């Protein structure tokens, strides 16, 4: 094998390893446990409890719905002191049922509280799109390496 081919093969192996590592790390489910849970997301939320107190804020409209028909939607509200964004959407605090909440629109800072320890799993809506973008970036980087070695 030529030196150029070995370098390109090594570069491809490095990029594939990075692609898999970064892809797995960014698309895996995030699990939170406790009585006072806070996170920022636009992904689906699985709440393992009967009832919890849910509140969320964002600078953009957001909406979630539960498989049983409940809906959470951010309502336009007066900005609190210190809020730098032009708009302020808020929901809650309001008691909602647990289960699988599907994020349909937007992103929000979410706070979930309960009397008992609760597990919340946040999973991406569509990890395929992110994997596709990462793969395109890896291909472009490989082509840049090819042009440099060539």
Protein backbone atom coordinates (compact mmCIF):
# COMPACT_ATOMS: atom_id res chain seq x y z
CA UNK A 1 0.00 0.00 0.00
CA UNK A 2 1.15 3.49 -0.79
CA UNK A 3 1.83 5.94 1.99
CA UNK A 4 -1.00 8.17 0.70
CA UNK A 5 -3.52 5.30 0.92
CA UNK A 6 -2.43 4.44 4.47
CA UNK A 7 -2.84 8.07 5.56
CA UNK A 8 -6.31 8.28 3.95
CA UNK A 9 -7.37 5.00 5.52
CA UNK A 10 -6.13 6.15 8.93
CA UNK A 11 -7.96 9.47 8.49
CA UNK A 12 -11.16 7.57 7.58
CA UNK A 13 -10.85 5.33 10.67
CA UNK A 14 -10.33 8.36 12.93
CA UNK A 15 -13.39 10.10 11.44
CA UNK A 16 -15.59 7.01 11.79
CA UNK A 17 -14.57 6.61 15.44
CA UNK A 18 -15.30 10.31 16.09
CA UNK A 19 -18.62 10.06 14.23
CA UNK A 20 -19.76 7.11 16.32
CA UNK A 21 -18.58 8.63 19.62
CA UNK A 22 -20.10 12.09 19.02
CA UNK A 23 -23.28 10.63 17.51
CA UNK A 24 -23.85 8.22 20.41
CA UNK A 25 -23.09 10.90 23.00
CA UNK A 26 -25.43 13.54 21.57
CA UNK A 27 -28.36 11.30 20.64
CA UNK A 28 -28.57 9.12 23.75
CA UNK A 29 -31.45 9.59 26.16
CA UNK A 30 -30.80 11.87 29.11
CA UNK A 31 -32.09 10.53 32.44
CA UNK A 32 -32.85 12.76 35.44
CA UNK A 33 -33.96 11.56 38.86
CA UNK A 34 -35.13 13.53 41.88
CA UNK A 35 -37.91 15.69 43.26
CA UNK A 36 -36.75 18.93 41.62
CA UNK A 37 -35.56 18.44 38.02
CA UNK A 38 -34.53 21.21 35.61
CA UNK A 39 -33.32 20.99 32.01
CA UNK A 40 -33.52 22.72 28.60
CA UNK A 41 -35.01 20.71 25.75
CA UNK A 42 -37.09 20.45 22.64
CA UNK A 43 -37.19 16.66 22.87
CA UNK A 44 -39.79 14.17 24.03
CA UNK A 45 -40.16 13.75 27.79
CA UNK A 46 -41.10 10.51 29.59
CA UNK A 47 -42.22 11.18 33.18
CA UNK A 48 -42.39 8.09 35.40
CA UNK A 49 -44.93 9.38 37.94
CA UNK A 50 -48.69 9.70 38.27
CA UNK A 51 -48.72 13.49 38.72
CA UNK A 52 -46.01 16.15 38.75
CA UNK A 53 -45.87 19.92 38.79
CA UNK A 54 -44.67 21.13 35.41
CA UNK A 55 -43.48 24.58 34.45
CA UNK A 56 -41.59 25.85 31.42
CA UNK A 57 -40.34 29.12 29.96
CA UNK A 58 -38.92 30.07 26.59
CA UNK A 59 -38.32 32.97 24.23
CA UNK A 60 -40.33 31.10 21.58
CA UNK A 61 -43.67 29.31 21.44
CA UNK A 62 -43.55 25.69 22.64
CA UNK A 63 -46.12 22.91 22.73
CA UNK A 64 -46.23 19.37 24.10
CA UNK A 65 -49.00 16.83 24.16
CA UNK A 66 -49.53 13.67 26.13
CA UNK A 67 -50.78 10.39 24.69
CA UNK A 68 -53.95 10.76 26.80
CA UNK A 69 -54.83 14.06 25.09
CA UNK A 70 -53.47 16.61 27.58
CA UNK A 71 -51.71 19.61 26.08
CA UNK A 72 -49.04 21.96 27.39
CA UNK A 73 -48.56 25.19 25.45
CA UNK A 74 -46.49 28.22 26.30
CA UNK A 75 -48.55 31.36 26.55
CA UNK A 76 -47.20 34.80 25.73
CA UNK A 77 -46.63 36.68 28.97
CA UNK A 78 -45.08 39.86 30.36
CA UNK A 79 -41.29 39.61 30.46
CA UNK A 80 -39.82 39.37 33.96
CA UNK A 81 -37.21 41.84 35.10
CA UNK A 82 -33.87 40.93 33.55
CA UNK A 83 -35.28 38.89 30.64
CA UNK A 84 -33.21 39.89 27.62
CA UNK A 85 -35.28 38.31 24.86
CA UNK A 86 -38.12 40.13 23.07
CA UNK A 87 -40.77 37.52 23.93
CA UNK A 88 -41.55 35.46 27.00
CA UNK A 89 -43.64 32.28 26.80
CA UNK A 90 -44.56 30.52 30.01
CA UNK A 91 -46.55 27.54 31.23
CA UNK A 92 -47.33 26.71 34.84
CA UNK A 93 -46.52 25.81 37.42
CA UNK A 94 -49.37 23.41 36.79
CA UNK A 95 -50.03 19.82 37.83
CA UNK A 96 -49.93 17.40 34.89
CA UNK A 97 -50.04 13.63 34.58
CA UNK A 98 -46.94 11.57 33.94
CA UNK A 99 -46.38 9.53 30.85
CA UNK A 100 -44.94 10.27 27.46
CA UNK A 101 -45.02 13.95 26.50
CA UNK A 102 -44.24 14.66 22.85
CA UNK A 103 -42.57 18.00 22.09
CA UNK A 104 -44.30 19.30 18.97
CA UNK A 105 -42.90 22.81 18.70
CA UNK A 106 -40.09 24.91 20.11
CA UNK A 107 -37.65 24.51 22.96
CA UNK A 108 -38.04 25.43 26.62
CA UNK A 109 -36.39 25.46 30.01
CA UNK A 110 -38.41 22.90 31.95
CA UNK A 111 -38.80 22.43 35.69
CA UNK A 112 -40.54 19.31 37.01
CA UNK A 113 -41.21 18.95 40.73
CA UNK A 114 -42.91 16.23 42.72
CA UNK A 115 -43.30 15.05 46.31
CA UNK A 116 -41.64 11.70 45.54
CA UNK A 117 -38.45 10.96 43.60
CA UNK A 118 -39.32 10.84 39.92
CA UNK A 119 -37.40 9.65 36.88
CA UNK A 120 -37.59 11.75 33.74
CA UNK A 121 -36.16 10.51 30.43
CA UNK A 122 -35.56 13.04 27.65
CA UNK A 123 -35.21 11.50 24.19
CA UNK A 124 -34.62 13.14 20.81
CA UNK A 125 -37.55 13.57 18.45
CA UNK A 126 -35.59 12.57 15.36
CA UNK A 127 -32.02 11.36 15.93
CA UNK A 128 -31.73 10.25 12.28
CA UNK A 129 -31.43 13.85 11.09
CA UNK A 130 -28.57 14.56 13.48
CA UNK A 131 -26.78 11.34 12.46
CA UNK A 132 -27.20 12.38 8.80
CA UNK A 133 -25.69 15.82 9.46
CA UNK A 134 -22.78 14.30 11.40
CA UNK A 135 -22.16 11.85 8.54
CA UNK A 136 -22.09 14.68 6.01
CA UNK A 137 -19.60 16.60 8.15
CA UNK A 138 -17.41 13.48 8.45
CA UNK A 139 -17.52 13.02 4.66
CA UNK A 140 -16.57 16.65 4.06
CA UNK A 141 -13.68 16.35 6.54
CA UNK A 142 -12.50 13.18 4.80
CA UNK A 143 -12.62 14.96 1.44
CA UNK A 144 -10.59 17.86 2.88
CA UNK A 145 -8.04 15.33 4.10
CA UNK A 146 -8.03 13.69 0.68
CA UNK A 147 -7.35 17.04 -1.01
CA UNK A 148 -4.54 17.83 1.43
CA UNK A 149 -2.85 14.43 0.96
CA UNK A 150 -3.36 14.48 -2.81
